[in-house]
Amino acid sequence: MINKPPGLPFLIVFSAAATFLLIWASYPSWYGFETFKFGIPIGFLLFLYWTIRITWADHKGKAPVGSLNSALAPWYIAIAVGLALITNAPFWIRYTISEPSLRAYATAVDENPGRKEPCQWVGLYYVCDGRRYDDLLTGEEIPGSARLVVRDLFRQDDKGFVWLTSGEPNENADGGDRYTHLEGYWYSYLYDSSW
């Protein structure tokens, strides 16, 4: 059944693109717009290929039939990925699994503010440059805080987490980190120079 159009190679490429989107969306403050800029052209090309293969198979009389056939698998995957992206499920699943490790790392950073933390896996995130959070207004480190820089698939480190037991993070109107409250003492951030 899997060897009928559009075929196993197509399903592997389609699944790889879907997996990439889900991993990309699991980072803190992911680039939603940029993700869709990647997903829409790739999805269009894959849809075009799928249409050509199904049309040709139908012409030859080899098209699979029924609602549960391999030709519709990409559509089921696309719907599942779309729902996951809309609900932000990839991030919340990865964050929930990683939160105990992130909390332990943040506590270690707060207790030893002078120690430079090496890049390492903390839960399911690759974290670098753990240090206390600096107050934007005063420039001083805030006790009971930690700023964790997360590297993504392309080794960019413009996003991460802030653990802040008192107060809220400050945003600069002229550009800088944009914060989103997650839960409890946790915030995610994304550096944006255009704001």
C-alpha atoms as a PDB file:
ATOM      1  CA  MET A   1       0.000   0.000   0.000  1.00  0.00           C
ATOM      2  CA  ILE A   2       2.843   2.432   0.779  1.00  0.00           C
ATOM      3  CA  ASN A   3       4.396   1.842  -2.655  1.00  0.00           C
ATOM      4  CA  LYS A   4       1.385   3.341  -4.466  1.00  0.00           C
ATOM      5  CA  PRO A   5       1.452   7.038  -5.392  1.00  0.00           C
ATOM      6  CA  PRO A   6       2.627   9.356  -4.011  1.00  0.00           C
ATOM      7  CA  GLY A   7       5.041   6.767  -2.594  1.00  0.00           C
ATOM      8  CA  LEU A   8       7.366   6.225   0.331  1.00  0.00           C
ATOM      9  CA  PRO A   9      10.078   8.754  -0.684  1.00  0.00           C
ATOM     10  CA  PHE A  10       7.454  11.501  -0.853  1.00  0.00           C
ATOM     11  CA  LEU A  11       6.033  10.525   2.536  1.00  0.00           C
ATOM     12  CA  ILE A  12       9.552  10.579   4.050  1.00  0.00           C
ATOM     13  CA  VAL A  13      10.274  14.078   2.670  1.00  0.00           C
ATOM     14  CA  PHE A  14       6.863  15.337   3.773  1.00  0.00           C
ATOM     15  CA  SER A  15       7.311  13.864   7.267  1.00  0.00           C
ATOM     16  CA  ALA A  16      10.814  15.371   7.536  1.00  0.00           C
ATOM     17  CA  ALA A  17       9.459  18.838   6.680  1.00  0.00           C
ATOM     18  CA  ALA A  18       6.664  18.410   9.231  1.00  0.00           C
ATOM     19  CA  THR A  19       9.144  17.265  11.888  1.00  0.00           C
ATOM     20  CA  PHE A  20      11.380  20.273  11.193  1.00  0.00           C
ATOM     21  CA  LEU A  21       8.403  22.623  11.654  1.00  0.00           C
ATOM     22  CA  LEU A  22       7.423  20.969  14.938  1.00  0.00           C
ATOM     23  CA  ILE A  23      10.979  21.126  16.291  1.00  0.00           C
ATOM     24  CA  TRP A  24      11.304  24.763  15.213  1.00  0.00           C
ATOM     25  CA  ALA A  25       8.024  25.606  16.966  1.00  0.00           C
ATOM     26  CA  SER A  26       9.187  23.980  20.203  1.00  0.00           C
ATOM     27  CA  TYR A  27      11.733  26.711  20.976  1.00  0.00           C
ATOM     28  CA  PRO A  28      10.856  29.587  23.298  1.00  0.00           C
ATOM     29  CA  SER A  29       9.323  32.554  21.480  1.00  0.00           C
ATOM     30  CA  TRP A  30       9.593  30.797  18.117  1.00  0.00           C
ATOM     31  CA  TYR A  31       9.327  32.749  14.924  1.00  0.00           C
ATOM     32  CA  GLY A  32       5.726  31.989  14.001  1.00  0.00           C
ATOM     33  CA  PHE A  33       5.682  34.155  10.897  1.00  0.00           C
ATOM     34  CA  GLU A  34       9.059  32.885   9.697  1.00  0.00           C
ATOM     35  CA  THR A  35       7.951  29.312  10.294  1.00  0.00           C
ATOM     36  CA  PHE A  36       4.952  29.815   8.057  1.00  0.00           C
ATOM     37  CA  LYS A  37       7.180  31.550   5.488  1.00  0.00           C
ATOM     38  CA  PHE A  38       9.142  28.293   5.359  1.00  0.00           C
ATOM     39  CA  GLY A  39       6.124  26.008   5.623  1.00  0.00           C
ATOM     40  CA  ILE A  40       3.893  27.568   2.973  1.00  0.00           C
ATOM     41  CA  PRO A  41       6.341  27.423  -0.001  1.00  0.00           C
ATOM     42  CA  ILE A  42       7.593  23.957   0.951  1.00  0.00           C
ATOM     43  CA  GLY A  43       4.022  22.804   1.529  1.00  0.00           C
ATOM     44  CA  PHE A  44       2.959  24.230  -1.826  1.00  0.00           C
ATOM     45  CA  LEU A  45       5.755  22.405  -3.663  1.00  0.00           C
ATOM     46  CA  LEU A  46       4.938  19.157  -1.886  1.00  0.00           C
ATOM     47  CA  PHE A  47       1.216  19.627  -2.619  1.00  0.00           C
ATOM     48  CA  LEU A  48       1.997  20.285  -6.288  1.00  0.00           C
ATOM     49  CA  TYR A  49       4.100  17.109  -6.461  1.00  0.00           C
ATOM     50  CA  TRP A  50       1.352  15.162  -4.669  1.00  0.00           C
ATOM     51  CA  THR A  51      -1.268  16.442  -7.136  1.00  0.00           C
ATOM     52  CA  ILE A  52       0.838  15.498 -10.164  1.00  0.00           C
ATOM     53  CA  ARG A  53       1.515  12.000  -8.799  1.00  0.00           C
ATOM     54  CA  ILE A  54      -2.124  11.351  -7.885  1.00  0.00           C
ATOM     55  CA  THR A  55      -3.403  12.715 -11.195  1.00  0.00           C
ATOM     56  CA  TRP A  56      -0.933  10.561 -13.131  1.00  0.00           C
ATOM     57  CA  ALA A  57      -1.784   7.478 -11.059  1.00  0.00           C
ATOM     58  CA  ASP A  58      -5.495   8.115 -11.620  1.00  0.00           C
ATOM     59  CA  HIS A  59      -4.861   8.432 -15.346  1.00  0.00           C
ATOM     60  CA  LYS A  60      -3.043   5.077 -15.310  1.00  0.00           C
ATOM     61  CA  GLY A  61      -5.730   3.499 -13.096  1.00  0.00           C
ATOM     62  CA  LYS A  62      -3.316   2.912 -10.202  1.00  0.00           C
ATOM     63  CA  ALA A  63      -4.574   5.529  -7.747  1.00  0.00           C
ATOM     64  CA  PRO A  64      -5.328   4.188  -4.263  1.00  0.00           C
ATOM     65  CA  VAL A  65      -8.964   4.372  -3.188  1.00  0.00           C
ATOM     66  CA  GLY A  66     -10.734   4.798   0.142  1.00  0.00           C
ATOM     67  CA  SER A  67     -10.440   7.337   2.910  1.00  0.00           C
ATOM     68  CA  LEU A  68      -7.660   5.479   4.770  1.00  0.00           C
ATOM     69  CA  ASN A  69      -5.084   5.103   2.034  1.00  0.00           C
ATOM     70  CA  SER A  70      -1.455   6.116   1.817  1.00  0.00           C
ATOM     71  CA  ALA A  71      -2.187   8.925  -0.643  1.00  0.00           C
ATOM     72  CA  LEU A  72      -4.058  10.847   2.050  1.00  0.00           C
ATOM     73  CA  ALA A  73      -1.376  10.390   4.740  1.00  0.00           C
ATOM     74  CA  PRO A  74       0.270  13.758   3.909  1.00  0.00           C
ATOM     75  CA  TRP A  75      -3.063  15.507   4.435  1.00  0.00           C
ATOM     76  CA  TYR A  76      -3.508  13.878   7.841  1.00  0.00           C
ATOM     77  CA  ILE A  77       0.036  14.890   8.783  1.00  0.00           C
ATOM     78  CA  ALA A  78      -0.526  18.468   7.554  1.00  0.00           C
ATOM     79  CA  ILE A  79      -3.744  18.796   9.583  1.00  0.00           C
ATOM     80  CA  ALA A  80      -2.046  17.432  12.716  1.00  0.00           C
ATOM     81  CA  VAL A  81       0.934  19.789  12.294  1.00  0.00           C
ATOM     82  CA  GLY A  82      -1.372  22.751  11.660  1.00  0.00           C
ATOM     83  CA  LEU A  83      -3.347  22.025  14.844  1.00  0.00           C
ATOM     84  CA  ALA A  84      -0.119  21.597  16.813  1.00  0.00           C
ATOM     85  CA  LEU A  85       1.230  24.951  15.576  1.00  0.00           C
ATOM     86  CA  ILE A  86      -2.039  26.786  16.262  1.00  0.00           C
ATOM     87  CA  THR A  87      -2.205  25.475  19.840  1.00  0.00           C
ATOM     88  CA  ASN A  88       1.561  25.914  20.434  1.00  0.00           C
ATOM     89  CA  ALA A  89       1.680  22.276  21.556  1.00  0.00           C
ATOM     90  CA  PRO A  90       5.305  21.606  20.474  1.00  0.00           C
ATOM     91  CA  PHE A  91       6.614  24.332  22.775  1.00  0.00           C
ATOM     92  CA  TRP A  92       4.432  23.422  25.752  1.00  0.00           C
ATOM     93  CA  ILE A  93       5.295  19.736  25.533  1.00  0.00           C
ATOM     94  CA  ARG A  94       9.044  20.393  25.301  1.00  0.00           C
ATOM     95  CA  TYR A  95       8.950  23.099  27.978  1.00  0.00           C
ATOM     96  CA  THR A  96       6.890  20.976  30.403  1.00  0.00           C
ATOM     97  CA  ILE A  97       9.313  18.066  30.074  1.00  0.00           C
ATOM     98  CA  SER A  98      12.320  20.406  30.508  1.00  0.00           C
ATOM     99  CA  GLU A  99      10.974  22.668  33.276  1.00  0.00           C
ATOM    100  CA  PRO A 100      12.396  20.711  36.270  1.00  0.00           C
ATOM    101  CA  SER A 101      15.869  20.713  34.685  1.00  0.00           C
ATOM    102  CA  LEU A 102      15.552  24.393  33.730  1.00  0.00           C
ATOM    103  CA  ARG A 103      14.545  25.233  37.317  1.00  0.00           C
ATOM    104  CA  ALA A 104      17.545  23.319  38.733  1.00  0.00           C
ATOM    105  CA  TYR A 105      19.863  25.077  36.269  1.00  0.00           C
ATOM    106  CA  ALA A 106      18.363  28.490  37.111  1.00  0.00           C
ATOM    107  CA  THR A 107      18.797  27.816  40.821  1.00  0.00           C
ATOM    108  CA  ALA A 108      22.459  26.871  40.274  1.00  0.00           C
ATOM    109  CA  VAL A 109      23.005  30.063  38.246  1.00  0.00           C
ATOM    110  CA  ASP A 110      21.394  32.193  40.950  1.00  0.00           C
ATOM    111  CA  GLU A 111      23.385  30.583  43.784  1.00  0.00           C
ATOM    112  CA  ASN A 112      26.728  31.016  41.959  1.00  0.00           C
ATOM    113  CA  PRO A 113      26.391  34.252  39.959  1.00  0.00           C
ATOM    114  CA  GLY A 114      30.142  34.576  39.380  1.00  0.00           C
ATOM    115  CA  ARG A 115      30.531  31.134  37.869  1.00  0.00           C
ATOM    116  CA  LYS A 116      30.304  30.907  34.091  1.00  0.00           C
ATOM    117  CA  GLU A 117      28.004  28.067  33.155  1.00  0.00           C
ATOM    118  CA  PRO A 118      29.111  26.010  30.138  1.00  0.00           C
ATOM    119  CA  CYS A 119      26.852  25.261  27.179  1.00  0.00           C
ATOM    120  CA  GLN A 120      24.957  22.088  27.938  1.00  0.00           C
ATOM    121  CA  TRP A 121      21.698  20.261  27.480  1.00  0.00           C
ATOM    122  CA  VAL A 122      19.209  21.318  30.136  1.00  0.00           C
ATOM    123  CA  GLY A 123      16.178  19.140  29.713  1.00  0.00           C
ATOM    124  CA  LEU A 124      15.470  19.207  25.975  1.00  0.00           C
ATOM    125  CA  TYR A 125      17.052  22.621  25.347  1.00  0.00           C
ATOM    126  CA  TYR A 126      20.684  23.433  24.586  1.00  0.00           C
ATOM    127  CA  VAL A 127      21.410  26.270  27.018  1.00  0.00           C
ATOM    128  CA  CYS A 128      24.408  28.596  26.979  1.00  0.00           C
ATOM    129  CA  ASP A 129      25.459  31.641  28.966  1.00  0.00           C
ATOM    130  CA  GLY A 130      23.403  31.111  32.110  1.00  0.00           C
ATOM    131  CA  ARG A 131      23.641  34.185  34.321  1.00  0.00           C
ATOM    132  CA  ARG A 132      21.530  36.366  36.580  1.00  0.00           C
ATOM    133  CA  TYR A 133      18.995  38.669  34.979  1.00  0.00           C
ATOM    134  CA  ASP A 134      20.108  42.319  34.728  1.00  0.00           C
ATOM    135  CA  ASP A 135      17.514  44.978  35.497  1.00  0.00           C
ATOM    136  CA  LEU A 136      17.240  47.211  32.431  1.00  0.00           C
ATOM    137  CA  LEU A 137      16.599  50.357  34.482  1.00  0.00           C
ATOM    138  CA  THR A 138      19.349  49.995  37.084  1.00  0.00           C
ATOM    139  CA  GLY A 139      21.777  47.674  35.270  1.00  0.00           C
ATOM    140  CA  GLU A 140      22.155  45.566  38.434  1.00  0.00           C
ATOM    141  CA  GLU A 141      21.810  41.817  38.723  1.00  0.00           C
ATOM    142  CA  ILE A 142      18.605  40.762  40.458  1.00  0.00           C
ATOM    143  CA  PRO A 143      19.016  38.111  43.168  1.00  0.00           C
ATOM    144  CA  GLY A 144      16.630  35.190  42.691  1.00  0.00           C
ATOM    145  CA  SER A 145      16.847  35.349  38.919  1.00  0.00           C
ATOM    146  CA  ALA A 146      18.455  33.646  35.954  1.00  0.00           C
ATOM    147  CA  ARG A 147      18.636  34.321  32.238  1.00  0.00           C
ATOM    148  CA  LEU A 148      19.125  31.207  30.124  1.00  0.00           C
ATOM    149  CA  VAL A 149      20.108  31.584  26.479  1.00  0.00           C
ATOM    150  CA  VAL A 150      18.798  28.782  24.234  1.00  0.00           C
ATOM    151  CA  ARG A 151      20.478  27.855  20.951  1.00  0.00           C
ATOM    152  CA  ASP A 152      18.196  26.690  18.175  1.00  0.00           C
ATOM    153  CA  LEU A 153      18.700  24.429  15.154  1.00  0.00           C
ATOM    154  CA  PHE A 154      20.732  27.094  13.344  1.00  0.00           C
ATOM    155  CA  ARG A 155      22.836  27.877  16.452  1.00  0.00           C
ATOM    156  CA  GLN A 156      21.145  31.252  16.878  1.00  0.00           C
ATOM    157  CA  ASP A 157      21.036  32.399  20.472  1.00  0.00           C
ATOM    158  CA  ASP A 158      18.519  35.240  20.370  1.00  0.00           C
ATOM    159  CA  LYS A 159      15.929  33.479  22.514  1.00  0.00           C
ATOM    160  CA  GLY A 160      15.666  31.807  25.870  1.00  0.00           C
ATOM    161  CA  PHE A 161      14.127  31.815  29.318  1.00  0.00           C
ATOM    162  CA  VAL A 162      14.146  34.161  32.280  1.00  0.00           C
ATOM    163  CA  TRP A 163      13.451  32.885  35.780  1.00  0.00           C
ATOM    164  CA  LEU A 164      12.478  35.857  37.923  1.00  0.00           C
ATOM    165  CA  THR A 165      11.205  35.343  41.483  1.00  0.00           C
ATOM    166  CA  SER A 166      10.348  39.016  42.027  1.00  0.00           C
ATOM    167  CA  GLY A 167       9.035  41.632  39.651  1.00  0.00           C
ATOM    168  CA  GLU A 168       8.723  41.429  35.895  1.00  0.00           C
ATOM    169  CA  PRO A 169      11.294  41.748  33.127  1.00  0.00           C
ATOM    170  CA  ASN A 170      11.720  45.180  31.572  1.00  0.00           C
ATOM    171  CA  GLU A 171      11.325  45.776  27.866  1.00  0.00           C
ATOM    172  CA  ASN A 172      13.106  48.565  26.057  1.00  0.00           C
ATOM    173  CA  ALA A 173      10.919  50.462  23.580  1.00  0.00           C
ATOM    174  CA  ASP A 174      13.921  51.038  21.273  1.00  0.00           C
ATOM    175  CA  GLY A 175      14.683  47.378  20.621  1.00  0.00           C
ATOM    176  CA  GLY A 176      15.736  44.469  22.737  1.00  0.00           C
ATOM    177  CA  ASP A 177      14.194  41.461  24.400  1.00  0.00           C
ATOM    178  CA  ARG A 178      10.439  40.860  24.141  1.00  0.00           C
ATOM    179  CA  TYR A 179       9.080  38.793  27.036  1.00  0.00           C
ATOM    180  CA  THR A 180       6.152  36.422  27.322  1.00  0.00           C
ATOM    181  CA  HIS A 181       5.005  35.172  30.718  1.00  0.00           C
ATOM    182  CA  LEU A 182       4.803  31.382  30.734  1.00  0.00           C
ATOM    183  CA  GLU A 183       3.876  30.331  34.265  1.00  0.00           C
ATOM    184  CA  GLY A 184       4.970  31.063  37.803  1.00  0.00           C
ATOM    185  CA  TYR A 185       8.400  32.711  37.685  1.00  0.00           C
ATOM    186  CA  TRP A 186       9.121  31.734  34.089  1.00  0.00           C
ATOM    187  CA  TYR A 187       9.230  34.015  31.050  1.00  0.00           C
ATOM    188  CA  SER A 188      10.386  33.312  27.526  1.00  0.00           C
ATOM    189  CA  TYR A 189      12.136  35.994  25.535  1.00  0.00           C
ATOM    190  CA  LEU A 190      13.138  36.794  21.988  1.00  0.00           C
ATOM    191  CA  TYR A 191      15.597  39.491  20.980  1.00  0.00           C
ATOM    192  CA  ASP A 192      14.075  41.801  18.405  1.00  0.00           C
ATOM    193  CA  SER A 193      16.124  44.768  17.200  1.00  0.00           C
ATOM    194  CA  SER A 194      13.226  46.286  15.269  1.00  0.00           C
ATOM    195  CA  TRP A 195      10.969  47.036  18.258  1.00  0.00           C
END
